[in-house]
Amino acid sequence: VMGSDYIQEKTELLYALISERQLSDLPIISQPALIVWGERDKVFPMELAHRLKRHLGESSRLVVIRNAGHAVNLEKPKDVCRNIIEFFQEGVTEPLNDEKV
């Protein structure tokens, strides 16, 4: 089942993001991670995306989808899917040209 690995790490990461927002307390996820963020997210500010990327390090990729808010998967599903597919096909690389970082 996809996404069933590293359950404890992911749970701790999400809990800290939602309740505390203290990245220093977040666990490091050792597997490659794709962070997809809406440029106009009003729930989680953009600075949090960049802090999360720095915290997770080189094994992560941050993709910021233009003109999308918190529900980026509903607002820009094609962009999200394209980036997910590329992430699985190529591993951690630079984001596609039409996304900003």
PDB file of N, CA and C in Angstrom:
ATOM      1  N   VAL A   1       0.850  -1.178   0.000  1.00  0.00           N
ATOM      2  CA  VAL A   1       0.000   0.000   0.000  1.00  0.00           C
ATOM      3  C   VAL A   1       0.891   1.235   0.000  1.00  0.00           C
ATOM      4  N   MET A   2       0.659   2.116  -0.976  1.00  0.00           N
ATOM      5  CA  MET A   2       1.460   3.325  -1.088  1.00  0.00           C
ATOM      6  C   MET A   2       1.232   4.225   0.124  1.00  0.00           C
ATOM      7  N   GLY A   3       2.313   4.739   0.653  1.00  0.00           N
ATOM      8  CA  GLY A   3       2.204   5.649   1.782  1.00  0.00           C
ATOM      9  C   GLY A   3       2.161   4.965   3.135  1.00  0.00           C
ATOM     10  N   SER A   4       2.334   3.637   3.158  1.00  0.00           N
ATOM     11  CA  SER A   4       2.265   2.934   4.437  1.00  0.00           C
ATOM     12  C   SER A   4       3.613   2.864   5.145  1.00  0.00           C
ATOM     13  N   ASP A   5       4.673   3.293   4.482  1.00  0.00           N
ATOM     14  CA  ASP A   5       5.996   3.313   5.103  1.00  0.00           C
ATOM     15  C   ASP A   5       6.162   4.576   5.940  1.00  0.00           C
ATOM     16  N   TYR A   6       6.975   4.482   6.951  1.00  0.00           N
ATOM     17  CA  TYR A   6       7.353   5.638   7.769  1.00  0.00           C
ATOM     18  C   TYR A   6       6.144   6.330   8.413  1.00  0.00           C
ATOM     19  N   ILE A   7       5.144   5.552   8.797  1.00  0.00           N
ATOM     20  CA  ILE A   7       3.905   6.101   9.361  1.00  0.00           C
ATOM     21  C   ILE A   7       4.187   6.959  10.594  1.00  0.00           C
ATOM     22  N   GLN A   8       5.005   6.466  11.511  1.00  0.00           N
ATOM     23  CA  GLN A   8       5.278   7.209  12.734  1.00  0.00           C
ATOM     24  C   GLN A   8       5.946   8.546  12.437  1.00  0.00           C
ATOM     25  N   GLU A   9       6.957   8.548  11.550  1.00  0.00           N
ATOM     26  CA  GLU A   9       7.646   9.790  11.195  1.00  0.00           C
ATOM     27  C   GLU A   9       6.681  10.789  10.577  1.00  0.00           C
ATOM     28  N   LYS A  10       5.845  10.323   9.672  1.00  0.00           N
ATOM     29  CA  LYS A  10       4.891  11.214   9.010  1.00  0.00           C
ATOM     30  C   LYS A  10       3.879  11.769  10.003  1.00  0.00           C
ATOM     31  N   THR A  11       3.408  10.935  10.915  1.00  0.00           N
ATOM     32  CA  THR A  11       2.450  11.379  11.923  1.00  0.00           C
ATOM     33  C   THR A  11       3.053  12.459  12.805  1.00  0.00           C
ATOM     34  N   GLU A  12       4.289  12.247  13.257  1.00  0.00           N
ATOM     35  CA  GLU A  12       4.958  13.239  14.096  1.00  0.00           C
ATOM     36  C   GLU A  12       5.172  14.548  13.340  1.00  0.00           C
ATOM     37  N   LEU A  13       5.538  14.438  12.082  1.00  0.00           N
ATOM     38  CA  LEU A  13       5.767  15.620  11.259  1.00  0.00           C
ATOM     39  C   LEU A  13       4.483  16.436  11.118  1.00  0.00           C
ATOM     40  N   LEU A  14       3.390  15.793  10.760  1.00  0.00           N
ATOM     41  CA  LEU A  14       2.121  16.504  10.590  1.00  0.00           C
ATOM     42  C   LEU A  14       1.634  17.098  11.910  1.00  0.00           C
ATOM     43  N   TYR A  15       1.763  16.351  12.990  1.00  0.00           N
ATOM     44  CA  TYR A  15       1.326  16.858  14.289  1.00  0.00           C
ATOM     45  C   TYR A  15       2.089  18.130  14.662  1.00  0.00           C
ATOM     46  N   ALA A  16       3.387  18.108  14.477  1.00  0.00           N
ATOM     47  CA  ALA A  16       4.202  19.275  14.822  1.00  0.00           C
ATOM     48  C   ALA A  16       3.870  20.463  13.930  1.00  0.00           C
ATOM     49  N   LEU A  17       3.633  20.209  12.652  1.00  0.00           N
ATOM     50  CA  LEU A  17       3.274  21.299  11.742  1.00  0.00           C
ATOM     51  C   LEU A  17       1.965  21.959  12.140  1.00  0.00           C
ATOM     52  N   ILE A  18       0.987  21.144  12.463  1.00  0.00           N
ATOM     53  CA  ILE A  18      -0.351  21.663  12.749  1.00  0.00           C
ATOM     54  C   ILE A  18      -0.425  22.289  14.138  1.00  0.00           C
ATOM     55  N   SER A  19       0.105  21.603  15.142  1.00  0.00           N
ATOM     56  CA  SER A  19      -0.108  22.075  16.506  1.00  0.00           C
ATOM     57  C   SER A  19       0.962  23.037  17.004  1.00  0.00           C
ATOM     58  N   GLU A  20       2.207  22.792  16.669  1.00  0.00           N
ATOM     59  CA  GLU A  20       3.271  23.568  17.286  1.00  0.00           C
ATOM     60  C   GLU A  20       3.977  24.515  16.325  1.00  0.00           C
ATOM     61  N   ARG A  21       4.102  24.106  15.087  1.00  0.00           N
ATOM     62  CA  ARG A  21       4.841  24.863  14.078  1.00  0.00           C
ATOM     63  C   ARG A  21       6.285  25.130  14.502  1.00  0.00           C
ATOM     64  N   GLN A  22       6.848  24.249  15.294  1.00  0.00           N
ATOM     65  CA  GLN A  22       8.250  24.340  15.700  1.00  0.00           C
ATOM     66  C   GLN A  22       9.044  23.323  14.886  1.00  0.00           C
ATOM     67  N   LEU A  23       9.689  23.780  13.827  1.00  0.00           N
ATOM     68  CA  LEU A  23      10.403  22.858  12.964  1.00  0.00           C
ATOM     69  C   LEU A  23      11.577  22.194  13.656  1.00  0.00           C
ATOM     70  N   SER A  24      12.141  22.837  14.657  1.00  0.00           N
ATOM     71  CA  SER A  24      13.268  22.228  15.358  1.00  0.00           C
ATOM     72  C   SER A  24      12.859  20.935  16.057  1.00  0.00           C
ATOM     73  N   ASP A  25      11.575  20.766  16.356  1.00  0.00           N
ATOM     74  CA  ASP A  25      11.080  19.560  17.011  1.00  0.00           C
ATOM     75  C   ASP A  25      10.618  18.498  16.025  1.00  0.00           C
ATOM     76  N   LEU A  26      10.629  18.809  14.743  1.00  0.00           N
ATOM     77  CA  LEU A  26      10.136  17.865  13.747  1.00  0.00           C
ATOM     78  C   LEU A  26      11.135  16.750  13.498  1.00  0.00           C
ATOM     79  N   PRO A  27      10.632  15.535  13.271  1.00  0.00           N
ATOM     80  CA  PRO A  27      11.542  14.448  12.917  1.00  0.00           C
ATOM     81  C   PRO A  27      12.072  14.654  11.498  1.00  0.00           C
ATOM     82  N   ILE A  28      13.234  14.117  11.241  1.00  0.00           N
ATOM     83  CA  ILE A  28      13.781  14.131   9.883  1.00  0.00           C
ATOM     84  C   ILE A  28      13.265  12.881   9.186  1.00  0.00           C
ATOM     85  N   ILE A  29      12.678  13.051   8.027  1.00  0.00           N
ATOM     86  CA  ILE A  29      12.215  11.917   7.232  1.00  0.00           C
ATOM     87  C   ILE A  29      13.350  11.526   6.301  1.00  0.00           C
ATOM     88  N   SER A  30      13.780  10.287   6.381  1.00  0.00           N
ATOM     89  CA  SER A  30      14.941   9.847   5.612  1.00  0.00           C
ATOM     90  C   SER A  30      14.617   9.542   4.151  1.00  0.00           C
ATOM     91  N   GLN A  31      13.372   9.298   3.837  1.00  0.00           N
ATOM     92  CA  GLN A  31      13.002   8.999   2.462  1.00  0.00           C
ATOM     93  C   GLN A  31      12.826  10.295   1.680  1.00  0.00           C
ATOM     94  N   PRO A  32      12.941  10.245   0.346  1.00  0.00           N
ATOM     95  CA  PRO A  32      12.677  11.445  -0.462  1.00  0.00           C
ATOM     96  C   PRO A  32      11.254  11.946  -0.214  1.00  0.00           C
ATOM     97  N   ALA A  33      11.109  13.259  -0.175  1.00  0.00           N
ATOM     98  CA  ALA A  33       9.804  13.860   0.114  1.00  0.00           C
ATOM     99  C   ALA A  33       9.502  14.954  -0.899  1.00  0.00           C
ATOM    100  N   LEU A  34       8.280  14.963  -1.393  1.00  0.00           N
ATOM    101  CA  LEU A  34       7.801  16.017  -2.277  1.00  0.00           C
ATOM    102  C   LEU A  34       6.890  16.917  -1.459  1.00  0.00           C
ATOM    103  N   ILE A  35       7.217  18.203  -1.422  1.00  0.00           N
ATOM    104  CA  ILE A  35       6.411  19.199  -0.716  1.00  0.00           C
ATOM    105  C   ILE A  35       5.720  20.030  -1.783  1.00  0.00           C
ATOM    106  N   VAL A  36       4.397  19.968  -1.838  1.00  0.00           N
ATOM    107  CA  VAL A  36       3.623  20.736  -2.817  1.00  0.00           C
ATOM    108  C   VAL A  36       2.880  21.813  -2.048  1.00  0.00           C
ATOM    109  N   TRP A  37       3.076  23.070  -2.447  1.00  0.00           N
ATOM    110  CA  TRP A  37       2.521  24.205  -1.709  1.00  0.00           C
ATOM    111  C   TRP A  37       1.828  25.149  -2.677  1.00  0.00           C
ATOM    112  N   GLY A  38       0.693  25.651  -2.286  1.00  0.00           N
ATOM    113  CA  GLY A  38       0.014  26.669  -3.071  1.00  0.00           C
ATOM    114  C   GLY A  38       0.613  28.038  -2.786  1.00  0.00           C
ATOM    115  N   GLU A  39       0.921  28.765  -3.829  1.00  0.00           N
ATOM    116  CA  GLU A  39       1.545  30.089  -3.708  1.00  0.00           C
ATOM    117  C   GLU A  39       0.728  31.024  -2.818  1.00  0.00           C
ATOM    118  N   ARG A  40      -0.581  30.879  -2.853  1.00  0.00           N
ATOM    119  CA  ARG A  40      -1.475  31.777  -2.108  1.00  0.00           C
ATOM    120  C   ARG A  40      -2.132  31.093  -0.906  1.00  0.00           C
ATOM    121  N   ASP A  41      -1.443  30.110  -0.338  1.00  0.00           N
ATOM    122  CA  ASP A  41      -1.964  29.380   0.824  1.00  0.00           C
ATOM    123  C   ASP A  41      -2.124  30.347   1.998  1.00  0.00           C
ATOM    124  N   LYS A  42      -3.336  30.469   2.505  1.00  0.00           N
ATOM    125  CA  LYS A  42      -3.621  31.355   3.640  1.00  0.00           C
ATOM    126  C   LYS A  42      -3.609  30.590   4.969  1.00  0.00           C
ATOM    127  N   VAL A  43      -3.584  29.260   4.920  1.00  0.00           N
ATOM    128  CA  VAL A  43      -3.576  28.456   6.141  1.00  0.00           C
ATOM    129  C   VAL A  43      -2.152  28.297   6.657  1.00  0.00           C
ATOM    130  N   PHE A  44      -1.244  27.886   5.758  1.00  0.00           N
ATOM    131  CA  PHE A  44       0.163  27.744   6.101  1.00  0.00           C
ATOM    132  C   PHE A  44       0.957  28.733   5.254  1.00  0.00           C
ATOM    133  N   PRO A  45       1.592  29.711   5.864  1.00  0.00           N
ATOM    134  CA  PRO A  45       2.333  30.726   5.105  1.00  0.00           C
ATOM    135  C   PRO A  45       3.509  30.126   4.331  1.00  0.00           C
ATOM    136  N   MET A  46       3.893  30.801   3.253  1.00  0.00           N
ATOM    137  CA  MET A  46       4.960  30.327   2.375  1.00  0.00           C
ATOM    138  C   MET A  46       6.275  30.122   3.127  1.00  0.00           C
ATOM    139  N   GLU A  47       6.549  30.953   4.106  1.00  0.00           N
ATOM    140  CA  GLU A  47       7.782  30.799   4.871  1.00  0.00           C
ATOM    141  C   GLU A  47       7.869  29.418   5.512  1.00  0.00           C
ATOM    142  N   LEU A  48       6.729  28.865   5.928  1.00  0.00           N
ATOM    143  CA  LEU A  48       6.715  27.532   6.518  1.00  0.00           C
ATOM    144  C   LEU A  48       7.142  26.483   5.489  1.00  0.00           C
ATOM    145  N   ALA A  49       6.752  26.659   4.245  1.00  0.00           N
ATOM    146  CA  ALA A  49       7.164  25.731   3.182  1.00  0.00           C
ATOM    147  C   ALA A  49       8.675  25.727   3.025  1.00  0.00           C
ATOM    148  N   HIS A  50       9.261  26.911   3.003  1.00  0.00           N
ATOM    149  CA  HIS A  50      10.711  27.013   2.843  1.00  0.00           C
ATOM    150  C   HIS A  50      11.449  26.484   4.074  1.00  0.00           C
ATOM    151  N   ARG A  51      10.902  26.736   5.246  1.00  0.00           N
ATOM    152  CA  ARG A  51      11.510  26.201   6.465  1.00  0.00           C
ATOM    153  C   ARG A  51      11.449  24.682   6.487  1.00  0.00           C
ATOM    154  N   LEU A  52      10.310  24.126   6.055  1.00  0.00           N
ATOM    155  CA  LEU A  52      10.160  22.672   6.003  1.00  0.00           C
ATOM    156  C   LEU A  52      11.160  22.070   5.016  1.00  0.00           C
ATOM    157  N   LYS A  53      11.316  22.697   3.872  1.00  0.00           N
ATOM    158  CA  LYS A  53      12.283  22.226   2.871  1.00  0.00           C
ATOM    159  C   LYS A  53      13.702  22.233   3.454  1.00  0.00           C
ATOM    160  N   ARG A  54      14.068  23.330   4.097  1.00  0.00           N
ATOM    161  CA  ARG A  54      15.408  23.398   4.709  1.00  0.00           C
ATOM    162  C   ARG A  54      15.574  22.322   5.781  1.00  0.00           C
ATOM    163  N   HIS A  55      14.531  22.092   6.556  1.00  0.00           N
ATOM    164  CA  HIS A  55      14.591  21.093   7.623  1.00  0.00           C
ATOM    165  C   HIS A  55      14.769  19.683   7.066  1.00  0.00           C
ATOM    166  N   LEU A  56      14.034  19.366   6.019  1.00  0.00           N
ATOM    167  CA  LEU A  56      14.098  18.018   5.452  1.00  0.00           C
ATOM    168  C   LEU A  56      15.351  17.814   4.606  1.00  0.00           C
ATOM    169  N   GLY A  57      15.927  18.893   4.101  1.00  0.00           N
ATOM    170  CA  GLY A  57      17.215  18.814   3.424  1.00  0.00           C
ATOM    171  C   GLY A  57      17.157  18.370   1.972  1.00  0.00           C
ATOM    172  N   GLU A  58      18.286  17.843   1.528  1.00  0.00           N
ATOM    173  CA  GLU A  58      18.495  17.529   0.112  1.00  0.00           C
ATOM    174  C   GLU A  58      17.605  16.404  -0.414  1.00  0.00           C
ATOM    175  N   SER A  59      17.058  15.580   0.457  1.00  0.00           N
ATOM    176  CA  SER A  59      16.203  14.490  -0.023  1.00  0.00           C
ATOM    177  C   SER A  59      14.778  14.957  -0.301  1.00  0.00           C
ATOM    178  N   SER A  60      14.529  16.254  -0.127  1.00  0.00           N
ATOM    179  CA  SER A  60      13.187  16.768  -0.379  1.00  0.00           C
ATOM    180  C   SER A  60      13.184  17.751  -1.545  1.00  0.00           C
ATOM    181  N   ARG A  61      12.012  17.925  -2.118  1.00  0.00           N
ATOM    182  CA  ARG A  61      11.818  18.886  -3.199  1.00  0.00           C
ATOM    183  C   ARG A  61      10.580  19.712  -2.868  1.00  0.00           C
ATOM    184  N   LEU A  62      10.713  21.024  -2.951  1.00  0.00           N
ATOM    185  CA  LEU A  62       9.584  21.932  -2.756  1.00  0.00           C
ATOM    186  C   LEU A  62       9.122  22.439  -4.114  1.00  0.00           C
ATOM    187  N   VAL A  63       7.837  22.252  -4.384  1.00  0.00           N
ATOM    188  CA  VAL A  63       7.218  22.783  -5.593  1.00  0.00           C
ATOM    189  C   VAL A  63       6.116  23.732  -5.151  1.00  0.00           C
ATOM    190  N   VAL A  64       6.197  24.966  -5.594  1.00  0.00           N
ATOM    191  CA  VAL A  64       5.182  25.968  -5.276  1.00  0.00           C
ATOM    192  C   VAL A  64       4.332  26.161  -6.528  1.00  0.00           C
ATOM    193  N   ILE A  65       3.042  25.896  -6.406  1.00  0.00           N
ATOM    194  CA  ILE A  65       2.123  26.009  -7.536  1.00  0.00           C
ATOM    195  C   ILE A  65       1.556  27.425  -7.559  1.00  0.00           C
ATOM    196  N   ARG A  66       1.760  28.094  -8.673  1.00  0.00           N
ATOM    197  CA  ARG A  66       1.281  29.469  -8.838  1.00  0.00           C
ATOM    198  C   ARG A  66      -0.241  29.535  -8.841  1.00  0.00           C
ATOM    199  N   ASN A  67      -0.738  30.642  -8.326  1.00  0.00           N
ATOM    200  CA  ASN A  67      -2.176  30.940  -8.333  1.00  0.00           C
ATOM    201  C   ASN A  67      -3.014  29.838  -7.690  1.00  0.00           C
ATOM    202  N   ALA A  68      -2.481  29.214  -6.662  1.00  0.00           N
ATOM    203  CA  ALA A  68      -3.226  28.191  -5.925  1.00  0.00           C
ATOM    204  C   ALA A  68      -3.123  28.494  -4.442  1.00  0.00           C
ATOM    205  N   GLY A  69      -4.164  28.120  -3.715  1.00  0.00           N
ATOM    206  CA  GLY A  69      -4.190  28.327  -2.278  1.00  0.00           C
ATOM    207  C   GLY A  69      -3.912  27.048  -1.527  1.00  0.00           C
ATOM    208  N   HIS A  70      -4.565  26.892  -0.374  1.00  0.00           N
ATOM    209  CA  HIS A  70      -4.326  25.747   0.495  1.00  0.00           C
ATOM    210  C   HIS A  70      -4.796  24.436  -0.140  1.00  0.00           C
ATOM    211  N   ALA A  71      -5.868  24.473  -0.897  1.00  0.00           N
ATOM    212  CA  ALA A  71      -6.401  23.265  -1.536  1.00  0.00           C
ATOM    213  C   ALA A  71      -5.800  23.099  -2.934  1.00  0.00           C
ATOM    214  N   VAL A  72      -4.489  23.130  -2.990  1.00  0.00           N
ATOM    215  CA  VAL A  72      -3.779  23.126  -4.276  1.00  0.00           C
ATOM    216  C   VAL A  72      -4.151  21.909  -5.122  1.00  0.00           C
ATOM    217  N   ASN A  73      -4.385  20.768  -4.501  1.00  0.00           N
ATOM    218  CA  ASN A  73      -4.749  19.572  -5.257  1.00  0.00           C
ATOM    219  C   ASN A  73      -6.116  19.690  -5.928  1.00  0.00           C
ATOM    220  N   LEU A  74      -6.997  20.510  -5.379  1.00  0.00           N
ATOM    221  CA  LEU A  74      -8.308  20.737  -5.995  1.00  0.00           C
ATOM    222  C   LEU A  74      -8.279  21.902  -6.976  1.00  0.00           C
ATOM    223  N   GLU A  75      -7.448  22.886  -6.676  1.00  0.00           N
ATOM    224  CA  GLU A  75      -7.377  24.088  -7.500  1.00  0.00           C
ATOM    225  C   GLU A  75      -6.552  23.886  -8.773  1.00  0.00           C
ATOM    226  N   LYS A  76      -5.475  23.130  -8.669  1.00  0.00           N
ATOM    227  CA  LYS A  76      -4.564  22.908  -9.802  1.00  0.00           C
ATOM    228  C   LYS A  76      -4.189  21.428  -9.892  1.00  0.00           C
ATOM    229  N   PRO A  77      -5.179  20.547 -10.097  1.00  0.00           N
ATOM    230  CA  PRO A  77      -4.895  19.103 -10.057  1.00  0.00           C
ATOM    231  C   PRO A  77      -3.905  18.634 -11.122  1.00  0.00           C
ATOM    232  N   LYS A  78      -3.937  19.219 -12.295  1.00  0.00           N
ATOM    233  CA  LYS A  78      -3.011  18.796 -13.357  1.00  0.00           C
ATOM    234  C   LYS A  78      -1.572  19.129 -12.983  1.00  0.00           C
ATOM    235  N   ASP A  79      -1.350  20.312 -12.421  1.00  0.00           N
ATOM    236  CA  ASP A  79      -0.006  20.702 -12.009  1.00  0.00           C
ATOM    237  C   ASP A  79       0.502  19.794 -10.894  1.00  0.00           C
ATOM    238  N   VAL A  80      -0.372  19.503  -9.937  1.00  0.00           N
ATOM    239  CA  VAL A  80       0.014  18.638  -8.827  1.00  0.00           C
ATOM    240  C   VAL A  80       0.351  17.244  -9.350  1.00  0.00           C
ATOM    241  N   CYS A  81      -0.506  16.690 -10.178  1.00  0.00           N
ATOM    242  CA  CYS A  81      -0.270  15.343 -10.715  1.00  0.00           C
ATOM    243  C   CYS A  81       1.013  15.285 -11.541  1.00  0.00           C
ATOM    244  N   ARG A  82       1.241  16.281 -12.341  1.00  0.00           N
ATOM    245  CA  ARG A  82       2.444  16.312 -13.177  1.00  0.00           C
ATOM    246  C   ARG A  82       3.702  16.290 -12.307  1.00  0.00           C
ATOM    247  N   ASN A  83       3.688  17.066 -11.236  1.00  0.00           N
ATOM    248  CA  ASN A  83       4.850  17.100 -10.345  1.00  0.00           C
ATOM    249  C   ASN A  83       5.015  15.803  -9.556  1.00  0.00           C
ATOM    250  N   ILE A  84       3.923  15.185  -9.172  1.00  0.00           N
ATOM    251  CA  ILE A  84       4.010  13.897  -8.475  1.00  0.00           C
ATOM    252  C   ILE A  84       4.592  12.837  -9.404  1.00  0.00           C
ATOM    253  N   ILE A  85       4.103  12.791 -10.628  1.00  0.00           N
ATOM    254  CA  ILE A  85       4.604  11.820 -11.598  1.00  0.00           C
ATOM    255  C   ILE A  85       6.092  12.023 -11.841  1.00  0.00           C
ATOM    256  N   GLU A  86       6.499  13.273 -12.045  1.00  0.00           N
ATOM    257  CA  GLU A  86       7.919  13.550 -12.267  1.00  0.00           C
ATOM    258  C   GLU A  86       8.746  13.140 -11.054  1.00  0.00           C
ATOM    259  N   PHE A  87       8.250  13.417  -9.876  1.00  0.00           N
ATOM    260  CA  PHE A  87       8.968  13.069  -8.647  1.00  0.00           C
ATOM    261  C   PHE A  87       9.214  11.562  -8.574  1.00  0.00           C
ATOM    262  N   PHE A  88       8.191  10.774  -8.880  1.00  0.00           N
ATOM    263  CA  PHE A  88       8.343   9.321  -8.830  1.00  0.00           C
ATOM    264  C   PHE A  88       9.241   8.803  -9.950  1.00  0.00           C
ATOM    265  N   GLN A  89       9.192   9.445 -11.097  1.00  0.00           N
ATOM    266  CA  GLN A  89       9.999   8.991 -12.227  1.00  0.00           C
ATOM    267  C   GLN A  89      11.467   9.349 -12.089  1.00  0.00           C
ATOM    268  N   GLU A  90      11.756  10.520 -11.572  1.00  0.00           N
ATOM    269  CA  GLU A  90      13.124  11.014 -11.578  1.00  0.00           C
ATOM    270  C   GLU A  90      13.771  11.131 -10.211  1.00  0.00           C
ATOM    271  N   GLY A  91      13.037  10.991  -9.147  1.00  0.00           N
ATOM    272  CA  GLY A  91      13.620  11.206  -7.829  1.00  0.00           C
ATOM    273  C   GLY A  91      13.712  12.690  -7.532  1.00  0.00           C
ATOM    274  N   VAL A  92      14.581  13.087  -6.646  1.00  0.00           N
ATOM    275  CA  VAL A  92      14.692  14.482  -6.222  1.00  0.00           C
ATOM    276  C   VAL A  92      15.518  15.261  -7.233  1.00  0.00           C
ATOM    277  N   THR A  93      14.856  16.217  -7.907  1.00  0.00           N
ATOM    278  CA  THR A  93      15.515  17.118  -8.853  1.00  0.00           C
ATOM    279  C   THR A  93      14.915  18.493  -8.674  1.00  0.00           C
ATOM    280  N   GLU A  94      15.272  19.403  -9.544  1.00  0.00           N
ATOM    281  CA  GLU A  94      14.692  20.749  -9.506  1.00  0.00           C
ATOM    282  C   GLU A  94      13.245  20.702  -9.960  1.00  0.00           C
ATOM    283  N   PRO A  95      12.381  21.628  -9.498  1.00  0.00           N
ATOM    284  CA  PRO A  95      10.984  21.656  -9.928  1.00  0.00           C
ATOM    285  C   PRO A  95      10.882  22.031 -11.393  1.00  0.00           C
ATOM    286  N   LEU A  96       9.739  21.746 -11.974  1.00  0.00           N
ATOM    287  CA  LEU A  96       9.498  22.089 -13.371  1.00  0.00           C
ATOM    288  C   LEU A  96       9.557  23.599 -13.571  1.00  0.00           C
ATOM    289  N   ASN A  97       9.820  24.042 -14.791  1.00  0.00           N
ATOM    290  CA  ASN A  97      10.040  25.462 -15.078  1.00  0.00           C
ATOM    291  C   ASN A  97       8.867  26.359 -14.723  1.00  0.00           C
ATOM    292  N   ASP A  98       7.646  25.877 -14.801  1.00  0.00           N
ATOM    293  CA  ASP A  98       6.517  26.777 -14.576  1.00  0.00           C
ATOM    294  C   ASP A  98       6.106  26.866 -13.098  1.00  0.00           C
ATOM    295  N   GLU A  99       6.829  26.199 -12.218  1.00  0.00           N
ATOM    296  CA  GLU A  99       6.591  26.374 -10.791  1.00  0.00           C
ATOM    297  C   GLU A  99       7.683  27.265 -10.236  1.00  0.00           C
ATOM    298  N   LYS A 100       7.380  27.983  -9.201  1.00  0.00           N
ATOM    299  CA  LYS A 100       8.393  28.839  -8.604  1.00  0.00           C
ATOM    300  C   LYS A 100       8.834  28.251  -7.279  1.00  0.00           C
ATOM    301  N   VAL A 101      10.038  28.539  -6.904  1.00  0.00           N
ATOM    302  CA  VAL A 101      10.579  28.062  -5.636  1.00  0.00           C
ATOM    303  C   VAL A 101      11.049  29.244  -4.830  1.00  0.00           C
TER     304      VAL A 101
END
